[in-house]
Amino acid sequence: MTGHITVVGLGPAGLDRVGETAGAVLTDPGIRVLLRTMRHPAAAELAALRPVETADDIYESADDYDEVYGRIVERVLAMAAGGPVAYAVPGSAVVGEFAVGMLRKAAADAGVPLQVFPGESFIDAAIEVLGIDPLAGGLQVIDGRDLPEPLLLHLPTLIAQVDTGLVLMDVRERLGRLLPDDTPLVLLDSLGGTGQNVEELTIAGLQSGHAGEHVTLFLDTFGPGWPGLVQINNRLRKECPWDRKQTHHTLAKHLLEETYEVLDAIEAMPAEAPAGEPDHAGYADMEEELGDLLLQVVFHATMASEAQAFGVEEVAESIRRKLVRRHPHVFGDVEADTVERVLANWETLKQEEKQRDSLLEGVSRSIPALARSHELQSRAASAGFDWPELQGVIDKVHEEMGELLADRDVPARAHHELGDLLFSVVNLARHLEIDAEQALRAAADRFECRFRVVEDGGSLVGLTLEEMDRRWDAAKAAEPD
């Protein structure tokens, strides 16, 4: 005989918080009852009234939660093979109960009737205790065991399942990255029961001992991080005279300046970063400079929204979709097992999307000449137009040098040949997997440092070339390898 399955949410406290119909199912002597756990007020009360079975033994013997959920489903179905069964869970049967979702599917596949009485959730109890209206002010509920990335705190937030000290310390660390240590929050424990505890704390005041099976954290703060940046920029645009005055064109120079400052921060980092020993000071500088650059993106998007063109969310969504389209080897069934193949696919898809007549179309003329040369060469190489061996590139550099020297007394020809030489050197850098722009910037930095040593804090007037060369060689020899 196969019975039906009834899933019952026990609510946050005792049996008095369970609905009348669901309560009748739980107390029906003709229905076997399986409790997910005995560690709940209503479960203990029900066990005092009638025979029950529990799944606590599964939790104690299983290696992980996936195994727990699978074995619970198997047990419920096995019990239902002999007659009607009720599976009772703490709180609501439809909030945070992964096994219930699995049971729904398994019962449907097996042709076993299943009914759910959701019950009162910890969310309902929290709303009541906190006195908040989730429709008026918004509310998000996240899992303390699996915090999202990015962690957006732009709405009043409940952080549930803070059930171990390890989970709570991880929550505290993540919150501390975005919020001041003295940010207030509320600890909610065993809501609706006799042991209910509502305690006001701060992020710094959270300790591992505050964790528990029925603990939830609540915080309602200003919007930090990404949402806060967008909101602050919107307000400045309305209320700050300088921000109000800006246009896309007046901000363009700031965008370029901030980009170069990010590059400076990157070049100051170890070449192997992010591998190797973390450069904490370097990353602090990079964090600040990336923030300045991000502000420029948000600022332009804010002004675009004023023209009803697009907003910052559309910018983010546009690039998200582009990343999916341009990575069919990740999000589709295209094979691309090498970097070269990935880049070739990228350029092909890009050309198809833009309906361009040439692979080289769209390379900006405004970027530095070294970077533009590299991009043009890379795109041509993606179609196979490239030197197959490094020696061919080296020979081309020598050839261009010879042509320059041959025409050095003819200004127009020398200008032309010098350009060809520089272009061939960029190609050499590309084949050596060296960024020509960064290499030249580093060389300029070395020249500046050495020349300052040559100056020795004073004037060079009166020094012979030999003396300056001697100082230069000394400066070069003193540099680290």
Protein backbone atom coordinates (compact mmCIF):
# COMPACT_ATOMS: atom_id res chain seq x y z
CA MET A 1 0.00 0.00 0.00
CA THR A 2 1.37 3.40 -1.01
CA GLY A 3 0.31 6.40 1.02
CA HIS A 4 0.47 10.11 0.41
CA ILE A 5 3.09 12.47 1.80
CA THR A 6 2.30 15.62 3.80
CA VAL A 7 5.06 18.12 4.46
CA VAL A 8 4.45 20.35 7.47
CA GLY A 9 6.28 23.45 8.59
CA LEU A 10 6.42 23.57 12.41
CA GLY A 11 6.90 27.32 12.58
CA PRO A 12 9.42 29.07 14.83
CA ALA A 13 8.22 27.87 18.23
CA GLY A 14 5.69 25.48 19.82
CA LEU A 15 2.72 23.61 18.41
CA ASP A 16 0.50 26.58 19.19
CA ARG A 17 2.07 28.33 16.16
CA VAL A 18 1.11 25.43 13.83
CA GLY A 19 -2.14 25.79 11.86
CA GLU A 20 -5.20 23.76 12.82
CA THR A 21 -5.29 21.61 9.67
CA ALA A 22 -1.57 20.89 9.76
CA GLY A 23 -1.81 20.14 13.48
CA ALA A 24 -4.54 17.58 12.81
CA VAL A 25 -2.27 15.79 10.34
CA LEU A 26 0.59 15.67 12.86
CA THR A 27 -1.61 14.21 15.61
CA ASP A 28 -3.47 11.71 13.40
CA PRO A 29 -2.49 8.25 14.76
CA GLY A 30 -2.94 6.74 11.28
CA ILE A 31 -0.12 8.85 9.85
CA ARG A 32 3.55 8.11 10.57
CA VAL A 33 5.50 11.26 11.43
CA LEU A 34 9.14 11.87 10.54
CA LEU A 35 10.73 14.91 12.17
CA ARG A 36 13.73 16.43 10.44
CA THR A 37 15.15 17.08 13.88
CA MET A 38 14.05 16.75 17.46
CA ARG A 39 15.89 19.98 18.34
CA HIS A 40 12.87 22.23 18.01
CA PRO A 41 10.15 23.25 20.54
CA ALA A 42 7.21 21.98 18.46
CA ALA A 43 9.03 18.73 17.69
CA ALA A 44 9.60 18.06 21.37
CA GLU A 45 5.94 18.81 22.20
CA LEU A 46 4.75 16.53 19.41
CA ALA A 47 7.01 13.69 20.57
CA ALA A 48 5.40 13.95 24.01
CA LEU A 49 1.96 13.47 22.46
CA ARG A 50 2.55 10.58 20.07
CA PRO A 51 5.19 8.23 18.58
CA VAL A 52 7.48 9.99 16.10
CA GLU A 53 10.64 9.20 14.15
CA THR A 54 13.50 11.60 13.45
CA ALA A 55 16.25 12.13 10.90
CA ASP A 56 18.80 13.21 13.49
CA ASP A 57 20.71 9.98 12.93
CA ILE A 58 21.22 10.94 9.28
CA TYR A 59 22.78 14.25 10.26
CA GLU A 60 25.12 12.46 12.66
CA SER A 61 26.31 9.85 10.14
CA ALA A 62 26.33 11.73 6.80
CA ASP A 63 29.46 13.40 5.41
CA ASP A 64 27.80 16.52 3.97
CA TYR A 65 24.44 18.21 3.57
CA ASP A 66 23.87 16.86 0.06
CA GLU A 67 24.03 13.35 1.47
CA VAL A 68 21.73 14.33 4.34
CA TYR A 69 19.06 15.68 1.99
CA GLY A 70 19.26 12.68 -0.31
CA ARG A 71 18.93 10.18 2.50
CA ILE A 72 16.00 12.07 4.07
CA VAL A 73 14.14 11.93 0.76
CA GLU A 74 14.84 8.21 0.47
CA ARG A 75 13.54 7.61 4.00
CA VAL A 76 10.33 9.57 3.45
CA LEU A 77 9.59 7.71 0.22
CA ALA A 78 10.31 4.37 1.89
CA MET A 79 7.91 5.22 4.72
CA ALA A 80 5.26 6.33 2.23
CA ALA A 81 5.45 2.92 0.57
CA GLY A 82 3.73 1.53 3.66
CA GLY A 83 1.08 4.24 4.12
CA PRO A 84 0.56 7.95 4.71
CA VAL A 85 3.48 9.87 6.19
CA ALA A 86 4.04 13.40 7.45
CA TYR A 87 7.49 14.96 7.18
CA ALA A 88 7.77 17.87 9.64
CA VAL A 89 10.49 20.54 9.52
CA PRO A 90 11.35 23.55 11.69
CA GLY A 91 10.07 26.92 10.50
CA SER A 92 8.53 27.02 7.05
CA ALA A 93 8.64 24.01 4.77
CA VAL A 94 9.33 26.27 1.79
CA VAL A 95 12.10 28.49 3.19
CA GLY A 96 15.61 27.06 3.39
CA GLU A 97 14.41 23.45 3.26
CA PHE A 98 16.39 21.99 0.37
CA ALA A 99 15.24 18.45 1.09
CA VAL A 100 11.61 19.51 0.57
CA GLY A 101 12.37 20.66 -2.96
CA MET A 102 14.10 17.37 -3.67
CA LEU A 103 11.18 15.48 -2.13
CA ARG A 104 8.65 17.28 -4.34
CA LYS A 105 10.47 16.12 -7.47
CA ALA A 106 11.10 12.59 -6.23
CA ALA A 107 7.46 12.14 -5.20
CA ALA A 108 6.23 13.44 -8.55
CA ASP A 109 8.57 11.06 -10.40
CA ALA A 110 7.34 8.16 -8.26
CA GLY A 111 3.66 9.11 -8.66
CA VAL A 112 3.22 9.65 -4.92
CA PRO A 113 0.73 12.41 -3.93
CA LEU A 114 2.34 15.20 -1.88
CA GLN A 115 0.82 18.15 -0.05
CA VAL A 116 2.64 20.99 1.70
CA PHE A 117 1.53 23.08 4.67
CA PRO A 118 4.28 25.72 4.59
CA GLY A 119 3.97 27.03 8.12
CA GLU A 120 5.32 30.24 9.61
CA SER A 121 8.91 31.06 8.66
CA PHE A 122 11.63 32.83 10.62
CA ILE A 123 11.12 35.67 8.10
CA ASP A 124 7.54 36.16 9.27
CA ALA A 125 8.65 36.12 12.89
CA ALA A 126 11.49 38.56 12.21
CA ILE A 127 9.21 41.00 10.40
CA GLU A 128 6.86 40.92 13.38
CA VAL A 129 9.59 41.44 15.98
CA LEU A 130 11.45 44.13 14.03
CA GLY A 131 8.29 45.98 13.06
CA ILE A 132 9.31 46.37 9.42
CA ASP A 133 7.26 46.36 6.23
CA PRO A 134 9.19 44.49 3.51
CA LEU A 135 6.96 45.91 0.79
CA ALA A 136 7.51 49.51 1.84
CA GLY A 137 11.24 49.37 2.57
CA GLY A 138 12.33 46.24 0.75
CA LEU A 139 13.94 43.19 2.33
CA GLN A 140 16.55 40.69 1.22
CA VAL A 141 17.26 37.34 2.85
CA ILE A 142 20.65 35.70 2.34
CA ASP A 143 22.28 32.52 3.57
CA GLY A 144 25.09 33.03 6.06
CA ARG A 145 26.66 29.77 4.93
CA ASP A 146 26.85 30.94 1.31
CA LEU A 147 27.15 34.73 1.16
CA PRO A 148 26.80 36.10 -2.38
CA GLU A 149 29.58 37.81 -4.31
CA PRO A 150 29.23 40.73 -4.61
CA LEU A 151 27.57 41.23 -1.24
CA LEU A 152 25.01 43.97 -1.89
CA LEU A 153 23.55 45.58 1.23
CA HIS A 154 21.32 48.18 -0.42
CA LEU A 155 18.19 46.84 1.31
CA PRO A 156 17.33 45.86 4.88
CA THR A 157 18.95 42.43 5.16
CA LEU A 158 18.33 39.22 7.08
CA ILE A 159 21.33 36.89 7.23
CA ALA A 160 20.00 33.44 8.12
CA GLN A 161 21.54 30.10 9.10
CA VAL A 162 24.29 31.65 11.21
CA ASP A 163 24.46 28.34 13.02
CA THR A 164 28.16 27.87 13.80
CA GLY A 165 30.96 30.05 15.10
CA LEU A 166 32.85 29.55 11.85
CA VAL A 167 29.90 30.80 9.79
CA LEU A 168 29.40 33.79 12.07
CA MET A 169 33.07 34.81 11.91
CA ASP A 170 32.95 34.59 8.12
CA VAL A 171 29.86 36.81 8.10
CA ARG A 172 31.57 39.31 10.39
CA GLU A 173 34.67 39.41 8.18
CA ARG A 174 32.64 39.97 5.01
CA LEU A 175 30.53 42.70 6.60
CA GLY A 176 33.68 44.34 7.96
CA ARG A 177 35.04 44.77 4.44
CA LEU A 178 32.17 47.08 3.56
CA LEU A 179 30.98 48.63 6.81
CA PRO A 180 32.54 50.35 9.85
CA ASP A 181 33.09 48.15 12.89
CA ASP A 182 30.53 50.12 14.89
CA THR A 183 27.72 49.50 12.39
CA PRO A 184 24.67 48.39 14.40
CA LEU A 185 22.84 45.15 13.74
CA VAL A 186 20.27 43.00 15.53
CA LEU A 187 20.76 39.39 16.60
CA LEU A 188 17.52 37.37 16.48
CA ASP A 189 17.45 33.99 18.21
CA SER A 190 14.61 31.48 18.68
CA LEU A 191 11.93 33.94 17.60
CA GLY A 192 8.42 33.21 18.80
CA GLY A 193 9.50 30.77 21.48
CA THR A 194 10.04 31.01 25.22
CA GLY A 195 13.78 31.41 24.65
CA GLN A 196 13.40 34.31 22.23
CA ASN A 197 16.35 36.70 22.29
CA VAL A 198 16.59 40.01 20.46
CA GLU A 199 19.92 41.73 21.03
CA GLU A 200 21.41 44.89 19.55
CA LEU A 201 25.08 44.53 18.67
CA THR A 202 27.72 45.94 16.35
CA ILE A 203 29.78 44.16 13.71
CA ALA A 204 32.82 44.30 16.00
CA GLY A 205 30.72 42.95 18.87
CA LEU A 206 29.84 39.72 17.08
CA GLN A 207 31.52 36.73 18.71
CA SER A 208 31.53 33.07 17.74
CA GLY A 209 29.42 32.29 20.82
CA HIS A 210 26.53 34.27 19.35
CA ALA A 211 25.99 31.58 16.70
CA GLY A 212 23.16 29.09 17.02
CA GLU A 213 20.74 26.88 15.13
CA HIS A 214 17.99 29.51 15.27
CA VAL A 215 20.13 32.66 14.92
CA THR A 216 19.51 35.29 12.26
CA LEU A 217 21.21 38.68 11.90
CA PHE A 218 19.46 41.83 10.71
CA LEU A 219 21.02 45.06 9.54
CA ASP A 220 19.61 48.14 7.87
CA THR A 221 22.34 50.54 6.89
CA PHE A 222 23.28 52.99 4.18
CA GLY A 223 23.98 51.35 0.84
CA PRO A 224 27.69 50.53 0.85
CA GLY A 225 29.67 49.30 -2.13
CA TRP A 226 28.33 49.42 -5.66
CA PRO A 227 24.72 50.54 -4.91
CA GLY A 228 26.02 53.22 -2.54
CA LEU A 229 28.43 54.58 -5.14
CA VAL A 230 25.62 54.92 -7.68
CA GLN A 231 23.34 56.62 -5.15
CA ILE A 232 26.04 59.04 -3.97
CA ASN A 233 26.92 59.99 -7.54
CA ASN A 234 23.26 60.65 -8.33
CA ARG A 235 22.98 62.93 -5.31
CA LEU A 236 26.19 64.82 -6.12
CA ARG A 237 24.98 65.34 -9.66
CA LYS A 238 21.90 67.10 -8.25
CA GLU A 239 23.40 68.97 -5.30
CA CYS A 240 27.10 69.70 -5.97
CA PRO A 241 27.83 72.72 -8.23
CA TRP A 242 30.96 71.12 -9.72
CA ASP A 243 29.28 67.80 -10.45
CA ARG A 244 26.24 69.53 -11.95
CA LYS A 245 28.46 71.48 -14.35
CA GLN A 246 30.18 68.45 -15.88
CA THR A 247 29.53 67.03 -19.36
CA HIS A 248 30.86 63.94 -21.08
CA HIS A 249 33.52 66.07 -22.76
CA THR A 250 34.68 67.88 -19.62
CA LEU A 251 35.10 64.54 -17.85
CA ALA A 252 37.04 62.91 -20.68
CA LYS A 253 40.43 64.16 -19.46
CA HIS A 254 39.71 62.83 -15.96
CA LEU A 255 38.88 59.41 -17.41
CA LEU A 256 42.24 59.36 -19.16
CA GLU A 257 44.11 60.57 -16.06
CA GLU A 258 42.51 57.97 -13.82
CA THR A 259 43.27 55.24 -16.36
CA TYR A 260 46.95 56.11 -16.32
CA GLU A 261 46.99 56.22 -12.53
CA VAL A 262 45.57 52.69 -12.48
CA LEU A 263 48.33 51.66 -14.87
CA ASP A 264 50.92 53.24 -12.56
CA ALA A 265 49.53 51.23 -9.63
CA ILE A 266 49.59 48.02 -11.67
CA GLU A 267 53.16 48.56 -12.87
CA ALA A 268 54.27 49.06 -9.27
CA MET A 269 53.00 45.58 -8.41
CA PRO A 270 55.17 42.44 -8.60
CA ALA A 271 55.17 41.01 -12.11
CA GLU A 272 53.73 37.68 -10.89
CA ALA A 273 50.76 39.24 -9.02
CA PRO A 274 48.25 37.94 -8.06
CA ALA A 275 50.51 34.90 -7.65
CA GLY A 276 53.31 34.97 -5.11
CA GLU A 277 53.45 36.82 -1.81
CA PRO A 278 50.62 39.42 -1.61
CA ASP A 279 51.78 43.03 -1.92
CA HIS A 280 49.35 44.56 0.58
CA ALA A 281 50.54 48.13 0.11
CA GLY A 282 50.43 47.74 -3.65
CA TYR A 283 46.93 46.33 -3.56
CA ALA A 284 45.81 49.20 -1.32
CA ASP A 285 47.02 51.67 -3.95
CA MET A 286 45.36 49.68 -6.73
CA GLU A 287 42.07 49.55 -4.81
CA GLU A 288 42.04 53.34 -4.49
CA GLU A 289 42.93 53.96 -8.13
CA LEU A 290 40.39 51.44 -9.42
CA GLY A 291 37.77 53.22 -7.33
CA ASP A 292 38.64 56.54 -8.95
CA LEU A 293 38.35 54.94 -12.38
CA LEU A 294 35.06 53.24 -11.51
CA LEU A 295 33.65 56.61 -10.49
CA GLN A 296 34.29 57.88 -14.02
CA VAL A 297 32.27 54.98 -15.47
CA VAL A 298 29.41 55.60 -13.04
CA PHE A 299 29.53 59.37 -13.66
CA HIS A 300 29.23 58.98 -17.45
CA ALA A 301 26.40 56.46 -17.01
CA THR A 302 24.61 58.84 -14.64
CA MET A 303 24.74 61.63 -17.24
CA ALA A 304 23.60 59.21 -19.94
CA SER A 305 20.56 58.35 -17.83
CA GLU A 306 19.70 62.06 -17.72
CA ALA A 307 19.50 61.93 -21.51
CA GLN A 308 17.32 58.82 -21.15
CA ALA A 309 19.92 56.85 -23.11
CA PHE A 310 21.07 54.23 -20.62
CA GLY A 311 21.91 53.79 -16.95
CA VAL A 312 24.69 52.08 -15.07
CA GLU A 313 22.70 48.83 -14.79
CA GLU A 314 22.34 48.70 -18.57
CA VAL A 315 26.09 49.18 -18.89
CA ALA A 316 26.73 46.25 -16.56
CA GLU A 317 24.13 44.07 -18.27
CA SER A 318 25.46 44.93 -21.72
CA ILE A 319 28.98 43.80 -20.88
CA ARG A 320 27.63 40.70 -19.08
CA ARG A 321 25.78 39.63 -22.23
CA LYS A 322 28.85 40.38 -24.35
CA LEU A 323 31.02 38.18 -22.13
CA VAL A 324 28.58 35.30 -22.52
CA ARG A 325 28.42 35.73 -26.31
CA ARG A 326 32.19 36.02 -26.67
CA HIS A 327 32.90 32.91 -24.56
CA PRO A 328 30.97 30.13 -26.33
CA HIS A 329 33.68 27.73 -25.17
CA VAL A 330 32.49 28.37 -21.60
CA PHE A 331 28.76 29.06 -22.00
CA GLY A 332 28.20 27.03 -25.17
CA ASP A 333 29.54 23.99 -26.98
CA VAL A 334 32.44 25.54 -28.92
CA GLU A 335 35.87 23.99 -28.41
CA ALA A 336 38.73 26.37 -27.59
CA ASP A 337 41.52 24.82 -25.56
CA THR A 338 44.26 27.40 -26.21
CA VAL A 339 44.60 31.13 -25.61
CA GLU A 340 45.19 31.67 -29.34
CA ARG A 341 41.98 29.90 -30.26
CA VAL A 342 40.02 31.89 -27.67
CA LEU A 343 41.34 35.18 -29.08
CA ALA A 344 40.62 34.12 -32.65
CA ASN A 345 37.02 33.21 -31.71
CA TRP A 346 36.67 36.54 -29.90
CA GLU A 347 37.71 38.58 -32.93
CA THR A 348 35.53 36.55 -35.30
CA LEU A 349 32.46 36.96 -33.09
CA LYS A 350 33.22 40.64 -32.62
CA GLN A 351 33.41 41.19 -36.38
CA GLU A 352 30.12 39.35 -36.90
CA GLU A 353 28.34 41.33 -34.15
CA LYS A 354 29.56 44.69 -35.40
CA GLN A 355 29.07 43.72 -39.07
CA ARG A 356 32.51 45.09 -39.82
CA ASP A 357 34.16 44.93 -43.21
CA SER A 358 37.62 44.40 -41.71
CA LEU A 359 39.20 42.80 -38.67
CA LEU A 360 41.03 46.08 -38.12
CA GLU A 361 37.89 48.20 -38.00
CA GLY A 362 37.18 49.65 -34.58
CA VAL A 363 40.76 49.97 -33.33
CA SER A 364 40.72 53.40 -31.75
CA ARG A 365 42.98 56.09 -33.21
CA SER A 366 42.97 57.85 -29.84
CA ILE A 367 44.94 55.24 -27.90
CA PRO A 368 48.73 55.54 -27.65
CA ALA A 369 50.52 54.58 -30.88
CA LEU A 370 52.33 51.64 -29.29
CA ALA A 371 49.07 50.17 -28.01
CA ARG A 372 47.31 50.78 -31.33
CA SER A 373 50.14 49.08 -33.22
CA HIS A 374 49.95 46.08 -30.90
CA GLU A 375 46.18 45.79 -31.35
CA LEU A 376 46.37 46.03 -35.15
CA GLN A 377 49.07 43.36 -35.26
CA SER A 378 47.15 41.08 -32.88
CA ARG A 379 43.99 41.26 -34.93
CA ALA A 380 45.86 40.50 -38.14
CA ALA A 381 47.63 37.62 -36.39
CA SER A 382 44.26 36.15 -35.33
CA ALA A 383 43.58 35.56 -39.03
CA GLY A 384 46.98 33.94 -39.56
CA PHE A 385 48.74 37.02 -40.96
CA ASP A 386 51.86 36.81 -38.80
CA TRP A 387 55.49 35.71 -38.75
CA PRO A 388 55.55 31.99 -37.94
CA GLU A 389 58.94 32.22 -36.19
CA LEU A 390 60.58 34.82 -33.95
CA GLN A 391 63.65 35.01 -36.19
CA GLY A 392 61.58 36.50 -38.99
CA VAL A 393 60.50 39.32 -36.68
CA ILE A 394 64.09 39.96 -35.58
CA ASP A 395 65.25 40.06 -39.21
CA LYS A 396 62.51 42.57 -39.98
CA VAL A 397 63.71 44.86 -37.18
CA HIS A 398 67.24 44.79 -38.62
CA GLU A 399 65.88 45.45 -42.10
CA GLU A 400 63.92 48.50 -40.92
CA MET A 401 66.95 49.80 -39.02
CA GLY A 402 69.03 49.54 -42.18
CA GLU A 403 66.43 51.42 -44.21
CA LEU A 404 66.31 54.19 -41.60
CA LEU A 405 70.07 54.59 -41.59
CA ALA A 406 70.11 54.65 -45.39
CA ASP A 407 67.54 57.49 -45.50
CA ARG A 408 68.56 59.38 -42.36
CA ASP A 409 69.56 62.47 -44.38
CA VAL A 410 66.16 62.73 -46.09
CA PRO A 411 63.71 64.05 -43.42
CA ALA A 412 60.51 62.79 -45.04
CA ARG A 413 61.96 59.34 -45.69
CA ALA A 414 63.57 59.18 -42.24
CA HIS A 415 60.18 59.98 -40.65
CA HIS A 416 58.61 57.15 -42.64
CA GLU A 417 61.34 54.61 -41.90
CA LEU A 418 61.46 55.46 -38.18
CA GLY A 419 57.75 54.71 -37.98
CA ASP A 420 58.31 51.37 -39.69
CA LEU A 421 61.14 50.58 -37.28
CA LEU A 422 59.03 51.37 -34.23
CA PHE A 423 56.15 49.31 -35.64
CA SER A 424 58.46 46.33 -36.15
CA VAL A 425 59.81 46.70 -32.60
CA VAL A 426 56.24 46.56 -31.28
CA ASN A 427 55.79 43.37 -33.28
CA LEU A 428 58.95 41.96 -31.69
CA ALA A 429 57.58 42.84 -28.24
CA ARG A 430 54.29 41.12 -29.09
CA HIS A 431 56.07 37.92 -30.12
CA LEU A 432 58.08 38.04 -26.90
CA GLU A 433 54.79 38.51 -25.00
CA ILE A 434 55.99 41.88 -23.68
CA ASP A 435 53.70 44.91 -23.53
CA ALA A 436 55.62 47.53 -25.51
CA GLU A 437 53.87 50.43 -23.79
CA GLN A 438 54.71 49.14 -20.33
CA ALA A 439 58.26 48.30 -21.35
CA LEU A 440 58.82 51.82 -22.69
CA ARG A 441 57.23 53.39 -19.61
CA ALA A 442 59.56 51.31 -17.41
CA ALA A 443 62.55 52.42 -19.49
CA ALA A 444 61.48 56.05 -19.08
CA ASP A 445 61.22 55.53 -15.32
CA ARG A 446 64.71 54.03 -15.23
CA PHE A 447 66.08 56.96 -17.23
CA GLU A 448 64.49 59.43 -14.81
CA CYS A 449 65.93 57.66 -11.75
CA ARG A 450 69.42 57.42 -13.26
CA PHE A 451 69.42 61.01 -14.45
CA ARG A 452 68.44 62.23 -10.99
CA VAL A 453 71.52 60.41 -9.68
CA VAL A 454 73.61 62.10 -12.35
CA GLU A 455 72.23 65.46 -11.21
CA ASP A 456 73.06 64.55 -7.61
CA GLY A 457 70.66 67.21 -6.38
CA GLY A 458 72.45 70.05 -8.14
CA SER A 459 73.19 71.66 -11.47
CA LEU A 460 75.05 69.87 -14.26
CA VAL A 461 76.67 73.09 -15.40
CA GLY A 462 80.45 72.66 -15.61
CA LEU A 463 80.40 68.86 -15.64
CA THR A 464 82.08 67.13 -18.55
CA LEU A 465 80.32 64.45 -20.55
CA GLU A 466 82.82 61.94 -19.14
CA GLU A 467 81.85 62.85 -15.56
CA MET A 468 78.17 62.57 -16.36
CA ASP A 469 78.78 59.16 -18.00
CA ARG A 470 80.64 58.02 -14.90
CA ARG A 471 77.72 59.00 -12.67
CA TRP A 472 75.29 57.33 -15.08
CA ASP A 473 77.23 54.06 -14.98
CA ALA A 474 77.33 54.23 -11.18
CA ALA A 475 73.58 54.76 -11.03
CA LYS A 476 73.00 51.83 -13.40
CA ALA A 477 75.30 49.55 -11.40
CA ALA A 478 73.46 50.40 -8.17
CA GLU A 479 70.10 49.25 -9.52
CA PRO A 480 68.77 45.89 -8.34
CA ASP A 481 68.87 43.06 -10.88
